[in-house]
All heavy atoms as atom14 arrays in JSON, in Angstrom:
{
  "sequence": "PIDIVGDGKGGAVSEDLRQAALAALHIDRAEARAKAQ",
  "atom14_mask": [
    [1, 1, 1, 1, 1, 1, 1, 0, 0, 0, 0, 0, 0, 0],
    [1, 1, 1, 1, 1, 1, 1, 1, 0, 0, 0, 0, 0, 0],
    [1, 1, 1, 1, 1, 1, 1, 1, 0, 0, 0, 0, 0, 0],
    [1, 1, 1, 1, 1, 1, 1, 1, 0, 0, 0, 0, 0, 0],
    [1, 1, 1, 1, 1, 1, 1, 0, 0, 0, 0, 0, 0, 0],
    [1, 1, 1, 1, 0, 0, 0, 0, 0, 0, 0, 0, 0, 0],
    [1, 1, 1, 1, 1, 1, 1, 1, 0, 0, 0, 0, 0, 0],
    [1, 1, 1, 1, 0, 0, 0, 0, 0, 0, 0, 0, 0, 0],
    [1, 1, 1, 1, 1, 1, 1, 1, 1, 0, 0, 0, 0, 0],
    [1, 1, 1, 1, 0, 0, 0, 0, 0, 0, 0, 0, 0, 0],
    [1, 1, 1, 1, 0, 0, 0, 0, 0, 0, 0, 0, 0, 0],
    [1, 1, 1, 1, 1, 0, 0, 0, 0, 0, 0, 0, 0, 0],
    [1, 1, 1, 1, 1, 1, 1, 0, 0, 0, 0, 0, 0, 0],
    [1, 1, 1, 1, 1, 1, 0, 0, 0, 0, 0, 0, 0, 0],
    [1, 1, 1, 1, 1, 1, 1, 1, 1, 0, 0, 0, 0, 0],
    [1, 1, 1, 1, 1, 1, 1, 1, 0, 0, 0, 0, 0, 0],
    [1, 1, 1, 1, 1, 1, 1, 1, 0, 0, 0, 0, 0, 0],
    [1, 1, 1, 1, 1, 1, 1, 1, 1, 1, 1, 0, 0, 0],
    [1, 1, 1, 1, 1, 1, 1, 1, 1, 0, 0, 0, 0, 0],
    [1, 1, 1, 1, 1, 0, 0, 0, 0, 0, 0, 0, 0, 0],
    [1, 1, 1, 1, 1, 0, 0, 0, 0, 0, 0, 0, 0, 0],
    [1, 1, 1, 1, 1, 1, 1, 1, 0, 0, 0, 0, 0, 0],
    [1, 1, 1, 1, 1, 0, 0, 0, 0, 0, 0, 0, 0, 0],
    [1, 1, 1, 1, 1, 0, 0, 0, 0, 0, 0, 0, 0, 0],
    [1, 1, 1, 1, 1, 1, 1, 1, 0, 0, 0, 0, 0, 0],
    [1, 1, 1, 1, 1, 1, 1, 1, 1, 1, 0, 0, 0, 0],
    [1, 1, 1, 1, 1, 1, 1, 1, 0, 0, 0, 0, 0, 0],
    [1, 1, 1, 1, 1, 1, 1, 1, 0, 0, 0, 0, 0, 0],
    [1, 1, 1, 1, 1, 1, 1, 1, 1, 1, 1, 0, 0, 0],
    [1, 1, 1, 1, 1, 0, 0, 0, 0, 0, 0, 0, 0, 0],
    [1, 1, 1, 1, 1, 1, 1, 1, 1, 0, 0, 0, 0, 0],
    [1, 1, 1, 1, 1, 0, 0, 0, 0, 0, 0, 0, 0, 0],
    [1, 1, 1, 1, 1, 1, 1, 1, 1, 1, 1, 0, 0, 0],
    [1, 1, 1, 1, 1, 0, 0, 0, 0, 0, 0, 0, 0, 0],
    [1, 1, 1, 1, 1, 1, 1, 1, 1, 0, 0, 0, 0, 0],
    [1, 1, 1, 1, 1, 0, 0, 0, 0, 0, 0, 0, 0, 0],
    [1, 1, 1, 1, 1, 1, 1, 1, 1, 0, 0, 0, 0, 0]
  ],
  "atom14_positions": [
    [[-8.45, -5.17, 1.89], [-7.33, -4.23, 1.75], [-7.12, -3.35, 2.98], [-5.99, -3.14, 3.41], [-7.74, -3.39, 0.54], [-8.64, -4.25, -0.24], [-9.37, -5.1, 0.75], [0.0, 0.0, 0.0], [0.0, 0.0, 0.0], [0.0, 0.0, 0.0], [0.0, 0.0, 0.0], [0.0, 0.0, 0.0], [0.0, 0.0, 0.0], [0.0, 0.0, 0.0]],
    [[-8.2, -2.85, 3.56], [-8.02, -1.92, 4.69], [-7.46, -2.65, 5.91], [-6.75, -2.06, 6.74], [-9.35, -1.2, 5.03], [-9.07, 0.07, 5.83], [-10.31, -2.12, 5.77], [-10.24, 0.99, 5.95], [0.0, 0.0, 0.0], [0.0, 0.0, 0.0], [0.0, 0.0, 0.0], [0.0, 0.0, 0.0], [0.0, 0.0, 0.0], [0.0, 0.0, 0.0]],
    [[-7.73, -3.95, 6.02], [-7.2, -4.73, 7.14], [-5.73, -5.08, 6.91], [-4.97, -5.22, 7.87], [-8.0, -6.03, 7.3], [-9.46, -5.78, 7.6], [-9.8, -5.59, 8.77], [-10.26, -5.75, 6.64], [0.0, 0.0, 0.0], [0.0, 0.0, 0.0], [0.0, 0.0, 0.0], [0.0, 0.0, 0.0], [0.0, 0.0, 0.0], [0.0, 0.0, 0.0]],
    [[-5.33, -5.23, 5.65], [-3.98, -5.68, 5.34], [-3.02, -4.51, 5.15], [-1.91, -4.51, 5.7], [-3.99, -6.58, 4.08], [-4.91, -7.8, 4.3], [-2.58, -7.05, 3.74], [-5.2, -8.59, 3.04], [0.0, 0.0, 0.0], [0.0, 0.0, 0.0], [0.0, 0.0, 0.0], [0.0, 0.0, 0.0], [0.0, 0.0, 0.0], [0.0, 0.0, 0.0]],
    [[-3.42, -3.51, 4.37], [-2.51, -2.39, 4.08], [-3.12, -1.04, 4.44], [-2.62, 0.0, 4.01], [-2.07, -2.39, 2.59], [-1.23, -3.61, 2.29], [-3.28, -2.32, 1.65], [0.0, 0.0, 0.0], [0.0, 0.0, 0.0], [0.0, 0.0, 0.0], [0.0, 0.0, 0.0], [0.0, 0.0, 0.0], [0.0, 0.0, 0.0], [0.0, 0.0, 0.0]],
    [[-4.17, -1.05, 5.23], [-4.82, 0.2, 5.62], [-3.95, 1.11, 6.45], [-4.24, 2.31, 6.56], [0.0, 0.0, 0.0], [0.0, 0.0, 0.0], [0.0, 0.0, 0.0], [0.0, 0.0, 0.0], [0.0, 0.0, 0.0], [0.0, 0.0, 0.0], [0.0, 0.0, 0.0], [0.0, 0.0, 0.0], [0.0, 0.0, 0.0], [0.0, 0.0, 0.0]],
    [[-2.87, 0.57, 7.02], [-1.95, 1.4, 7.8], [-0.92, 2.11, 6.93], [-0.04, 2.82, 7.43], [-1.23, 0.56, 8.86], [-0.41, -0.59, 8.25], [-0.4, -0.73, 7.01], [0.23, -1.33, 9.02], [0.0, 0.0, 0.0], [0.0, 0.0, 0.0], [0.0, 0.0, 0.0], [0.0, 0.0, 0.0], [0.0, 0.0, 0.0], [0.0, 0.0, 0.0]],
    [[-1.03, 1.93, 5.61], [-0.1, 2.59, 4.69], [1.21, 1.86, 4.5], [2.06, 2.3, 3.73], [0.0, 0.0, 0.0], [0.0, 0.0, 0.0], [0.0, 0.0, 0.0], [0.0, 0.0, 0.0], [0.0, 0.0, 0.0], [0.0, 0.0, 0.0], [0.0, 0.0, 0.0], [0.0, 0.0, 0.0], [0.0, 0.0, 0.0], [0.0, 0.0, 0.0]],
    [[1.4, 0.74, 5.19], [2.64, -0.03, 5.05], [2.42, -1.15, 4.03], [1.58, -2.02, 4.23], [3.07, -0.6, 6.4], [3.42, 0.47, 7.43], [3.91, -0.17, 8.72], [4.18, 0.9, 9.78], [5.18, 1.88, 9.34], [0.0, 0.0, 0.0], [0.0, 0.0, 0.0], [0.0, 0.0, 0.0], [0.0, 0.0, 0.0], [0.0, 0.0, 0.0]],
    [[3.16, -1.11, 2.95], [3.04, -2.12, 1.91], [2.02, -1.8, 0.84], [1.94, -2.5, -0.17], [0.0, 0.0, 0.0], [0.0, 0.0, 0.0], [0.0, 0.0, 0.0], [0.0, 0.0, 0.0], [0.0, 0.0, 0.0], [0.0, 0.0, 0.0], [0.0, 0.0, 0.0], [0.0, 0.0, 0.0], [0.0, 0.0, 0.0], [0.0, 0.0, 0.0]],
    [[1.25, -0.75, 1.05], [0.25, -0.41, 0.05], [-0.44, 0.91, 0.36], [-0.14, 1.56, 1.36], [0.0, 0.0, 0.0], [0.0, 0.0, 0.0], [0.0, 0.0, 0.0], [0.0, 0.0, 0.0], [0.0, 0.0, 0.0], [0.0, 0.0, 0.0], [0.0, 0.0, 0.0], [0.0, 0.0, 0.0], [0.0, 0.0, 0.0], [0.0, 0.0, 0.0]],
    [[-1.36, 1.28, -0.52], [-2.11, 2.52, -0.36], [-3.58, 2.24, -0.64], [-3.91, 1.54, -1.6], [-1.58, 3.58, -1.33], [0.0, 0.0, 0.0], [0.0, 0.0, 0.0], [0.0, 0.0, 0.0], [0.0, 0.0, 0.0], [0.0, 0.0, 0.0], [0.0, 0.0, 0.0], [0.0, 0.0, 0.0], [0.0, 0.0, 0.0], [0.0, 0.0, 0.0]],
    [[-4.45, 2.77, 0.19], [-5.89, 2.63, -0.03], [-6.51, 4.02, -0.12], [-6.12, 4.94, 0.6], [-6.58, 1.82, 1.09], [-6.07, 0.38, 1.11], [-6.39, 2.46, 2.45], [0.0, 0.0, 0.0], [0.0, 0.0, 0.0], [0.0, 0.0, 0.0], [0.0, 0.0, 0.0], [0.0, 0.0, 0.0], [0.0, 0.0, 0.0], [0.0, 0.0, 0.0]],
    [[-7.48, 4.16, -1.03], [-8.15, 5.44, -1.22], [-9.41, 5.21, -2.03], [-9.48, 4.29, -2.84], [-7.24, 6.42, -1.96], [-7.94, 7.62, -2.29], [0.0, 0.0, 0.0], [0.0, 0.0, 0.0], [0.0, 0.0, 0.0], [0.0, 0.0, 0.0], [0.0, 0.0, 0.0], [0.0, 0.0, 0.0], [0.0, 0.0, 0.0], [0.0, 0.0, 0.0]],
    [[-10.42, 6.06, -1.8], [-11.61, 6.02, -2.65], [-11.27, 6.48, -4.06], [-12.03, 6.22, -4.99], [-12.72, 6.89, -2.06], [-13.43, 6.26, -0.87], [-14.17, 4.97, -1.24], [-14.48, 4.79, -2.44], [-14.43, 4.16, -0.35], [0.0, 0.0, 0.0], [0.0, 0.0, 0.0], [0.0, 0.0, 0.0], [0.0, 0.0, 0.0], [0.0, 0.0, 0.0]],
    [[-10.15, 7.16, -4.23], [-9.63, 7.5, -5.55], [-8.58, 6.44, -5.9], [-7.43, 6.51, -5.48], [-8.99, 8.9, -5.53], [-8.51, 9.35, -6.89], [-8.22, 8.49, -7.75], [-8.4, 10.58, -7.11], [0.0, 0.0, 0.0], [0.0, 0.0, 0.0], [0.0, 0.0, 0.0], [0.0, 0.0, 0.0], [0.0, 0.0, 0.0], [0.0, 0.0, 0.0]],
    [[-9.01, 5.44, -6.66], [-8.13, 4.3, -6.93], [-6.9, 4.71, -7.73], [-5.81, 4.15, -7.55], [-8.9, 3.2, -7.65], [-8.2, 1.84, -7.8], [-7.83, 1.26, -6.44], [-9.08, 0.86, -8.58], [0.0, 0.0, 0.0], [0.0, 0.0, 0.0], [0.0, 0.0, 0.0], [0.0, 0.0, 0.0], [0.0, 0.0, 0.0], [0.0, 0.0, 0.0]],
    [[-7.05, 5.69, -8.6], [-5.89, 6.19, -9.36], [-4.86, 6.78, -8.41], [-3.65, 6.51, -8.53], [-6.32, 7.23, -10.38], [-5.15, 7.83, -11.17], [-5.64, 8.83, -12.21], [-4.53, 9.35, -12.99], [-3.81, 10.42, -12.65], [-4.09, 11.08, -11.5], [-2.82, 10.84, -13.41], [0.0, 0.0, 0.0], [0.0, 0.0, 0.0], [0.0, 0.0, 0.0]],
    [[-5.32, 7.56, -7.45], [-4.4, 8.16, -6.48], [-3.68, 7.07, -5.69], [-2.47, 7.16, -5.46], [-5.19, 9.06, -5.52], [-4.35, 9.77, -4.49], [-5.21, 10.57, -3.53], [-6.01, 10.02, -2.77], [-5.06, 11.89, -3.58], [0.0, 0.0, 0.0], [0.0, 0.0, 0.0], [0.0, 0.0, 0.0], [0.0, 0.0, 0.0], [0.0, 0.0, 0.0]],
    [[-4.41, 6.02, -5.3], [-3.78, 4.92, -4.56], [-2.74, 4.21, -5.42], [-1.66, 3.87, -4.94], [-4.85, 3.94, -4.1], [0.0, 0.0, 0.0], [0.0, 0.0, 0.0], [0.0, 0.0, 0.0], [0.0, 0.0, 0.0], [0.0, 0.0, 0.0], [0.0, 0.0, 0.0], [0.0, 0.0, 0.0], [0.0, 0.0, 0.0], [0.0, 0.0, 0.0]],
    [[-3.06, 4.0, -6.7], [-2.13, 3.3, -7.59], [-0.85, 4.11, -7.79], [0.26, 3.54, -7.77], [-2.8, 3.03, -8.93], [0.0, 0.0, 0.0], [0.0, 0.0, 0.0], [0.0, 0.0, 0.0], [0.0, 0.0, 0.0], [0.0, 0.0, 0.0], [0.0, 0.0, 0.0], [0.0, 0.0, 0.0], [0.0, 0.0, 0.0], [0.0, 0.0, 0.0]],
    [[-0.97, 5.4, -7.96], [0.22, 6.23, -8.15], [1.02, 6.34, -6.87], [2.26, 6.35, -6.89], [-0.2, 7.62, -8.65], [-0.83, 7.65, -10.05], [-1.31, 9.06, -10.4], [0.15, 7.15, -11.11], [0.0, 0.0, 0.0], [0.0, 0.0, 0.0], [0.0, 0.0, 0.0], [0.0, 0.0, 0.0], [0.0, 0.0, 0.0], [0.0, 0.0, 0.0]],
    [[0.33, 6.4, -5.73], [1.03, 6.46, -4.44], [1.8, 5.17, -4.19], [2.91, 5.18, -3.64], [0.04, 6.71, -3.32], [0.0, 0.0, 0.0], [0.0, 0.0, 0.0], [0.0, 0.0, 0.0], [0.0, 0.0, 0.0], [0.0, 0.0, 0.0], [0.0, 0.0, 0.0], [0.0, 0.0, 0.0], [0.0, 0.0, 0.0], [0.0, 0.0, 0.0]],
    [[1.23, 4.04, -4.6], [1.88, 2.75, -4.36], [3.19, 2.61, -5.13], [4.07, 1.84, -4.73], [0.93, 1.62, -4.74], [0.0, 0.0, 0.0], [0.0, 0.0, 0.0], [0.0, 0.0, 0.0], [0.0, 0.0, 0.0], [0.0, 0.0, 0.0], [0.0, 0.0, 0.0], [0.0, 0.0, 0.0], [0.0, 0.0, 0.0], [0.0, 0.0, 0.0]],
    [[3.35, 3.37, -6.21], [4.61, 3.34, -6.98], [5.8, 3.74, -6.11], [6.94, 3.36, -6.39], [4.52, 4.28, -8.18], [3.79, 3.78, -9.43], [3.62, 4.91, -10.43], [4.53, 2.6, -10.06], [0.0, 0.0, 0.0], [0.0, 0.0, 0.0], [0.0, 0.0, 0.0], [0.0, 0.0, 0.0], [0.0, 0.0, 0.0], [0.0, 0.0, 0.0]],
    [[5.54, 4.52, -5.07], [6.62, 5.07, -4.25], [6.8, 4.33, -2.93], [7.57, 4.76, -2.07], [6.36, 6.56, -3.99], [6.19, 7.35, -5.25], [7.23, 7.63, -6.1], [5.07, 7.88, -5.82], [6.78, 8.33, -7.13], [5.47, 8.49, -7.0], [0.0, 0.0, 0.0], [0.0, 0.0, 0.0], [0.0, 0.0, 0.0], [0.0, 0.0, 0.0]],
    [[6.09, 3.22, -2.74], [6.21, 2.45, -1.5], [7.39, 1.49, -1.6], [7.62, 0.85, -2.63], [4.89, 1.69, -1.22], [3.81, 2.7, -0.83], [5.07, 0.64, -0.13], [2.44, 2.1, -0.64], [0.0, 0.0, 0.0], [0.0, 0.0, 0.0], [0.0, 0.0, 0.0], [0.0, 0.0, 0.0], [0.0, 0.0, 0.0], [0.0, 0.0, 0.0]],
    [[8.14, 1.4, -0.53], [9.3, 0.53, -0.46], [8.88, -0.93, -0.65], [8.04, -1.46, 0.08], [9.97, 0.71, 0.91], [11.27, -0.07, 1.05], [11.6, -0.85, 0.14], [11.94, 0.12, 2.08], [0.0, 0.0, 0.0], [0.0, 0.0, 0.0], [0.0, 0.0, 0.0], [0.0, 0.0, 0.0], [0.0, 0.0, 0.0], [0.0, 0.0, 0.0]],
    [[9.49, -1.59, -1.62], [9.12, -2.99, -1.9], [9.5, -3.92, -0.74], [8.85, -4.92, -0.5], [9.76, -3.44, -3.22], [9.24, -2.67, -4.44], [9.89, -3.15, -5.73], [9.47, -4.5, -6.08], [8.4, -4.8, -6.8], [7.59, -3.83, -7.24], [8.1, -6.06, -7.08], [0.0, 0.0, 0.0], [0.0, 0.0, 0.0], [0.0, 0.0, 0.0]],
    [[10.55, -3.58, -0.01], [10.93, -4.38, 1.16], [9.85, -4.28, 2.23], [9.6, -5.25, 2.97], [12.27, -3.91, 1.7], [0.0, 0.0, 0.0], [0.0, 0.0, 0.0], [0.0, 0.0, 0.0], [0.0, 0.0, 0.0], [0.0, 0.0, 0.0], [0.0, 0.0, 0.0], [0.0, 0.0, 0.0], [0.0, 0.0, 0.0], [0.0, 0.0, 0.0]],
    [[9.2, -3.14, 2.31], [8.12, -2.94, 3.27], [6.92, -3.83, 2.92], [6.26, -4.39, 3.8], [7.7, -1.47, 3.26], [6.68, -1.08, 4.29], [6.37, 0.41, 4.21], [7.07, 1.21, 4.86], [5.43, 0.77, 3.47], [0.0, 0.0, 0.0], [0.0, 0.0, 0.0], [0.0, 0.0, 0.0], [0.0, 0.0, 0.0], [0.0, 0.0, 0.0]],
    [[6.67, -3.97, 1.62], [5.59, -4.85, 1.18], [5.89, -6.3, 1.57], [5.02, -7.01, 2.08], [5.41, -4.73, -0.34], [0.0, 0.0, 0.0], [0.0, 0.0, 0.0], [0.0, 0.0, 0.0], [0.0, 0.0, 0.0], [0.0, 0.0, 0.0], [0.0, 0.0, 0.0], [0.0, 0.0, 0.0], [0.0, 0.0, 0.0], [0.0, 0.0, 0.0]],
    [[7.1, -6.72, 1.32], [7.5, -8.09, 1.67], [7.36, -8.33, 3.18], [6.87, -9.38, 3.62], [8.95, -8.32, 1.23], [9.6, -9.6, 1.71], [9.07, -10.83, 1.03], [9.82, -12.02, 1.43], [9.58, -13.25, 0.98], [8.61, -13.45, 0.11], [10.3, -14.28, 1.39], [0.0, 0.0, 0.0], [0.0, 0.0, 0.0], [0.0, 0.0, 0.0]],
    [[7.79, -7.37, 3.97], [7.73, -7.52, 5.43], [6.28, -7.66, 5.9], [6.0, -8.43, 6.83], [8.39, -6.32, 6.1], [0.0, 0.0, 0.0], [0.0, 0.0, 0.0], [0.0, 0.0, 0.0], [0.0, 0.0, 0.0], [0.0, 0.0, 0.0], [0.0, 0.0, 0.0], [0.0, 0.0, 0.0], [0.0, 0.0, 0.0], [0.0, 0.0, 0.0]],
    [[5.37, -6.95, 5.25], [3.96, -7.06, 5.65], [3.44, -8.47, 5.4], [2.72, -9.04, 6.23], [3.14, -6.02, 4.87], [1.63, -6.07, 5.09], [1.23, -5.83, 6.52], [1.39, -4.39, 6.96], [0.46, -3.45, 6.38], [0.0, 0.0, 0.0], [0.0, 0.0, 0.0], [0.0, 0.0, 0.0], [0.0, 0.0, 0.0], [0.0, 0.0, 0.0]],
    [[3.79, -9.07, 4.27], [3.32, -10.41, 3.94], [3.82, -11.46, 4.91], [3.14, -12.47, 5.16], [3.74, -10.78, 2.52], [0.0, 0.0, 0.0], [0.0, 0.0, 0.0], [0.0, 0.0, 0.0], [0.0, 0.0, 0.0], [0.0, 0.0, 0.0], [0.0, 0.0, 0.0], [0.0, 0.0, 0.0], [0.0, 0.0, 0.0], [0.0, 0.0, 0.0]],
    [[5.0, -11.24, 5.48], [5.58, -12.24, 6.36], [4.83, -12.38, 7.69], [5.12, -13.26, 8.48], [7.06, -11.92, 6.59], [7.88, -12.2, 5.33], [9.32, -11.74, 5.45], [9.61, -10.68, 6.01], [10.25, -12.53, 4.91], [0.0, 0.0, 0.0], [0.0, 0.0, 0.0], [0.0, 0.0, 0.0], [0.0, 0.0, 0.0], [0.0, 0.0, 0.0]]
  ]
}
């Protein structure tokens, strides 16, 4: 995860997994798609 979305683009990483999950709700879905490409 830290290698793929550790830059905050397309996802959220945190030692508080709940915080990461709630933060990910607000990430642009197009940004996630762009990261996968």
